[in-house]
Amino acid sequence: MSDMDAAMVPPDGSGDQDSELTLDPRVQESIGRSLKAHYDDIVNAPVPDKFLVLLAQLEATERRAAGASTDERH
């Protein structure tokens, strides 16, 4: 039996091979903590300067387009 097999348990606790298997709650918690830690790292990472420049260019383009559309209505 592999470690993965040991971490998989039938939801009803039976050994029936045809039942749907789920991860052991402790394994789920460990995976959840790891995923949260990785997500937090990504969310808190600084935005690269290249992206900031691109966002500024996009915002300027949108402002010009919005200004042009309001000028056309007058």
N, C-alpha and C. Protein backbone atom coordinates (compact mmCIF):
# COMPACT_ATOMS: atom_id res chain seq x y z
N MET A 1 0.85 -1.16 0.00
CA MET A 1 0.00 0.00 0.00
C MET A 1 0.90 1.24 0.00
N SER A 2 0.65 2.18 -0.93
CA SER A 2 1.46 3.39 -1.01
C SER A 2 0.99 4.42 0.00
N ASP A 3 1.81 5.48 0.19
CA ASP A 3 1.41 6.56 1.09
C ASP A 3 0.13 7.21 0.60
N MET A 4 0.00 7.34 -0.73
CA MET A 4 -1.20 7.96 -1.29
C MET A 4 -2.42 7.10 -0.99
N ASP A 5 -2.29 5.79 -1.10
CA ASP A 5 -3.40 4.90 -0.78
C ASP A 5 -3.80 5.03 0.68
N ALA A 6 -2.81 5.18 1.55
CA ALA A 6 -3.10 5.31 2.97
C ALA A 6 -3.80 6.63 3.27
N ALA A 7 -3.54 7.66 2.47
CA ALA A 7 -4.17 8.97 2.68
C ALA A 7 -5.59 9.01 2.13
N MET A 8 -5.91 8.06 1.28
CA MET A 8 -7.25 8.01 0.69
C MET A 8 -8.12 7.06 1.51
N VAL A 9 -9.26 7.57 1.94
CA VAL A 9 -10.16 6.73 2.72
C VAL A 9 -11.56 6.86 2.17
N PRO A 10 -12.34 5.76 2.19
CA PRO A 10 -13.72 5.86 1.76
C PRO A 10 -14.49 6.76 2.73
N PRO A 11 -15.42 7.59 2.23
CA PRO A 11 -16.13 8.50 3.11
C PRO A 11 -16.93 7.80 4.20
N ASP A 12 -17.36 6.56 3.96
CA ASP A 12 -18.15 5.85 4.97
C ASP A 12 -17.28 4.97 5.87
N GLY A 13 -15.96 4.99 5.63
CA GLY A 13 -15.05 4.21 6.46
C GLY A 13 -14.96 2.75 6.06
N SER A 14 -15.77 2.33 5.10
CA SER A 14 -15.74 0.92 4.69
C SER A 14 -14.57 0.68 3.75
N GLY A 15 -14.28 -0.53 3.50
CA GLY A 15 -13.20 -0.89 2.60
C GLY A 15 -13.71 -1.22 1.21
N ASP A 16 -14.92 -0.84 0.88
CA ASP A 16 -15.54 -1.14 -0.42
C ASP A 16 -14.77 -0.44 -1.53
N GLN A 17 -14.23 -1.20 -2.47
CA GLN A 17 -13.43 -0.64 -3.56
C GLN A 17 -14.25 0.21 -4.51
N ASP A 18 -15.57 0.00 -4.60
CA ASP A 18 -16.41 0.74 -5.54
C ASP A 18 -16.85 2.09 -5.00
N SER A 19 -16.67 2.35 -3.72
CA SER A 19 -17.11 3.63 -3.16
C SER A 19 -16.13 4.74 -3.54
N GLU A 20 -16.62 5.96 -3.52
CA GLU A 20 -15.79 7.12 -3.85
C GLU A 20 -14.78 7.35 -2.72
N LEU A 21 -13.52 7.60 -3.07
CA LEU A 21 -12.48 7.83 -2.08
C LEU A 21 -12.29 9.32 -1.85
N THR A 22 -11.95 9.69 -0.63
CA THR A 22 -11.65 11.08 -0.30
C THR A 22 -10.32 11.11 0.45
N LEU A 23 -9.71 12.28 0.45
CA LEU A 23 -8.46 12.43 1.19
C LEU A 23 -8.72 12.47 2.69
N ASP A 24 -7.79 11.95 3.44
CA ASP A 24 -7.84 12.02 4.89
C ASP A 24 -7.93 13.50 5.29
N PRO A 25 -8.78 13.85 6.25
CA PRO A 25 -8.92 15.26 6.66
C PRO A 25 -7.60 15.93 7.04
N ARG A 26 -6.68 15.18 7.64
CA ARG A 26 -5.38 15.78 8.00
C ARG A 26 -4.59 16.14 6.75
N VAL A 27 -4.69 15.30 5.71
CA VAL A 27 -4.00 15.59 4.46
C VAL A 27 -4.64 16.82 3.80
N GLN A 28 -5.98 16.89 3.83
CA GLN A 28 -6.69 18.04 3.27
C GLN A 28 -6.25 19.32 3.97
N GLU A 29 -6.16 19.28 5.29
CA GLU A 29 -5.74 20.47 6.05
C GLU A 29 -4.32 20.88 5.69
N SER A 30 -3.43 19.90 5.55
CA SER A 30 -2.05 20.20 5.19
C SER A 30 -1.97 20.83 3.80
N ILE A 31 -2.70 20.28 2.86
CA ILE A 31 -2.72 20.85 1.50
C ILE A 31 -3.31 22.25 1.54
N GLY A 32 -4.38 22.43 2.29
CA GLY A 32 -5.00 23.75 2.41
C GLY A 32 -4.06 24.79 2.98
N ARG A 33 -3.31 24.43 4.02
CA ARG A 33 -2.34 25.36 4.61
C ARG A 33 -1.26 25.72 3.60
N SER A 34 -0.77 24.73 2.87
CA SER A 34 0.26 24.98 1.86
C SER A 34 -0.25 25.90 0.76
N LEU A 35 -1.45 25.62 0.26
CA LEU A 35 -2.02 26.45 -0.79
C LEU A 35 -2.23 27.88 -0.31
N LYS A 36 -2.72 28.04 0.91
CA LYS A 36 -2.93 29.38 1.47
C LYS A 36 -1.62 30.13 1.58
N ALA A 37 -0.57 29.45 2.04
CA ALA A 37 0.74 30.09 2.17
C ALA A 37 1.26 30.55 0.81
N HIS A 38 1.12 29.70 -0.21
CA HIS A 38 1.56 30.08 -1.56
C HIS A 38 0.73 31.24 -2.10
N TYR A 39 -0.58 31.19 -1.89
CA TYR A 39 -1.46 32.26 -2.35
C TYR A 39 -1.08 33.57 -1.67
N ASP A 40 -0.87 33.55 -0.37
CA ASP A 40 -0.49 34.76 0.37
C ASP A 40 0.82 35.33 -0.17
N ASP A 41 1.78 34.47 -0.48
CA ASP A 41 3.05 34.93 -1.05
C ASP A 41 2.83 35.65 -2.37
N ILE A 42 1.98 35.09 -3.21
CA ILE A 42 1.71 35.68 -4.52
C ILE A 42 0.97 37.01 -4.37
N VAL A 43 -0.03 37.05 -3.51
CA VAL A 43 -0.81 38.26 -3.32
C VAL A 43 0.06 39.39 -2.76
N ASN A 44 0.98 39.06 -1.90
CA ASN A 44 1.82 40.07 -1.26
C ASN A 44 3.08 40.41 -2.05
N ALA A 45 3.30 39.72 -3.16
CA ALA A 45 4.49 40.00 -3.98
C ALA A 45 4.31 41.36 -4.66
N PRO A 46 5.40 42.10 -4.84
CA PRO A 46 5.29 43.39 -5.52
C PRO A 46 4.95 43.20 -6.99
N VAL A 47 4.23 44.18 -7.53
CA VAL A 47 3.89 44.14 -8.96
C VAL A 47 5.13 44.59 -9.74
N PRO A 48 5.54 43.81 -10.72
CA PRO A 48 6.73 44.19 -11.50
C PRO A 48 6.54 45.54 -12.19
N ASP A 49 7.61 46.32 -12.29
CA ASP A 49 7.56 47.64 -12.92
C ASP A 49 6.99 47.59 -14.33
N LYS A 50 7.33 46.54 -15.06
CA LYS A 50 6.85 46.42 -16.44
C LYS A 50 5.32 46.40 -16.47
N PHE A 51 4.69 45.70 -15.53
CA PHE A 51 3.24 45.65 -15.47
C PHE A 51 2.66 47.01 -15.09
N LEU A 52 3.33 47.71 -14.17
CA LEU A 52 2.86 49.03 -13.77
C LEU A 52 2.87 50.00 -14.95
N VAL A 53 3.92 49.92 -15.77
CA VAL A 53 4.01 50.76 -16.96
C VAL A 53 2.88 50.41 -17.93
N LEU A 54 2.66 49.14 -18.15
CA LEU A 54 1.59 48.71 -19.07
C LEU A 54 0.21 49.16 -18.56
N LEU A 55 -0.01 49.05 -17.26
CA LEU A 55 -1.30 49.49 -16.69
C LEU A 55 -1.48 50.99 -16.85
N ALA A 56 -0.43 51.75 -16.65
CA ALA A 56 -0.50 53.21 -16.81
C ALA A 56 -0.81 53.55 -18.27
N GLN A 57 -0.20 52.85 -19.20
CA GLN A 57 -0.47 53.09 -20.63
C GLN A 57 -1.92 52.76 -20.96
N LEU A 58 -2.43 51.67 -20.43
CA LEU A 58 -3.81 51.27 -20.67
C LEU A 58 -4.78 52.31 -20.10
N GLU A 59 -4.52 52.77 -18.89
CA GLU A 59 -5.38 53.77 -18.28
C GLU A 59 -5.38 55.07 -19.09
N ALA A 60 -4.21 55.48 -19.58
CA ALA A 60 -4.12 56.70 -20.39
C ALA A 60 -4.90 56.53 -21.69
N THR A 61 -4.80 55.38 -22.31
CA THR A 61 -5.54 55.11 -23.54
C THR A 61 -7.03 55.14 -23.28
N GLU A 62 -7.47 54.55 -22.17
CA GLU A 62 -8.90 54.55 -21.83
C GLU A 62 -9.39 55.96 -21.55
N ARG A 63 -8.58 56.79 -20.88
CA ARG A 63 -8.98 58.18 -20.61
C ARG A 63 -9.13 58.96 -21.91
N ARG A 64 -8.18 58.75 -22.84
CA ARG A 64 -8.27 59.45 -24.13
C ARG A 64 -9.52 59.00 -24.89
N ALA A 65 -9.80 57.69 -24.86
CA ALA A 65 -10.97 57.17 -25.56
C ALA A 65 -12.26 57.70 -24.93
N ALA A 66 -12.31 57.77 -23.61
CA ALA A 66 -13.49 58.29 -22.92
C ALA A 66 -13.65 59.77 -23.23
N GLY A 67 -12.56 60.52 -23.29
CA GLY A 67 -12.62 61.94 -23.62
C GLY A 67 -13.10 62.16 -25.04
N ALA A 68 -12.65 61.32 -25.97
CA ALA A 68 -13.06 61.44 -27.37
C ALA A 68 -14.54 61.14 -27.52
N SER A 69 -15.05 60.17 -26.79
CA SER A 69 -16.46 59.81 -26.93
C SER A 69 -17.36 60.90 -26.34
N THR A 70 -16.94 61.59 -25.28
CA THR A 70 -17.75 62.67 -24.72
C THR A 70 -17.68 63.89 -25.63
N ASP A 71 -16.54 64.11 -26.30
CA ASP A 71 -16.43 65.23 -27.24
C ASP A 71 -17.34 65.04 -28.44
N GLU A 72 -17.51 63.80 -28.88
CA GLU A 72 -18.36 63.52 -30.04
C GLU A 72 -19.83 63.79 -29.74
N ARG A 73 -20.25 63.70 -28.48
CA ARG A 73 -21.66 63.91 -28.12
C ARG A 73 -22.00 65.40 -28.07
N HIS A 74 -21.01 66.28 -27.98
CA HIS A 74 -21.27 67.71 -27.85
C HIS A 74 -21.28 68.39 -29.15
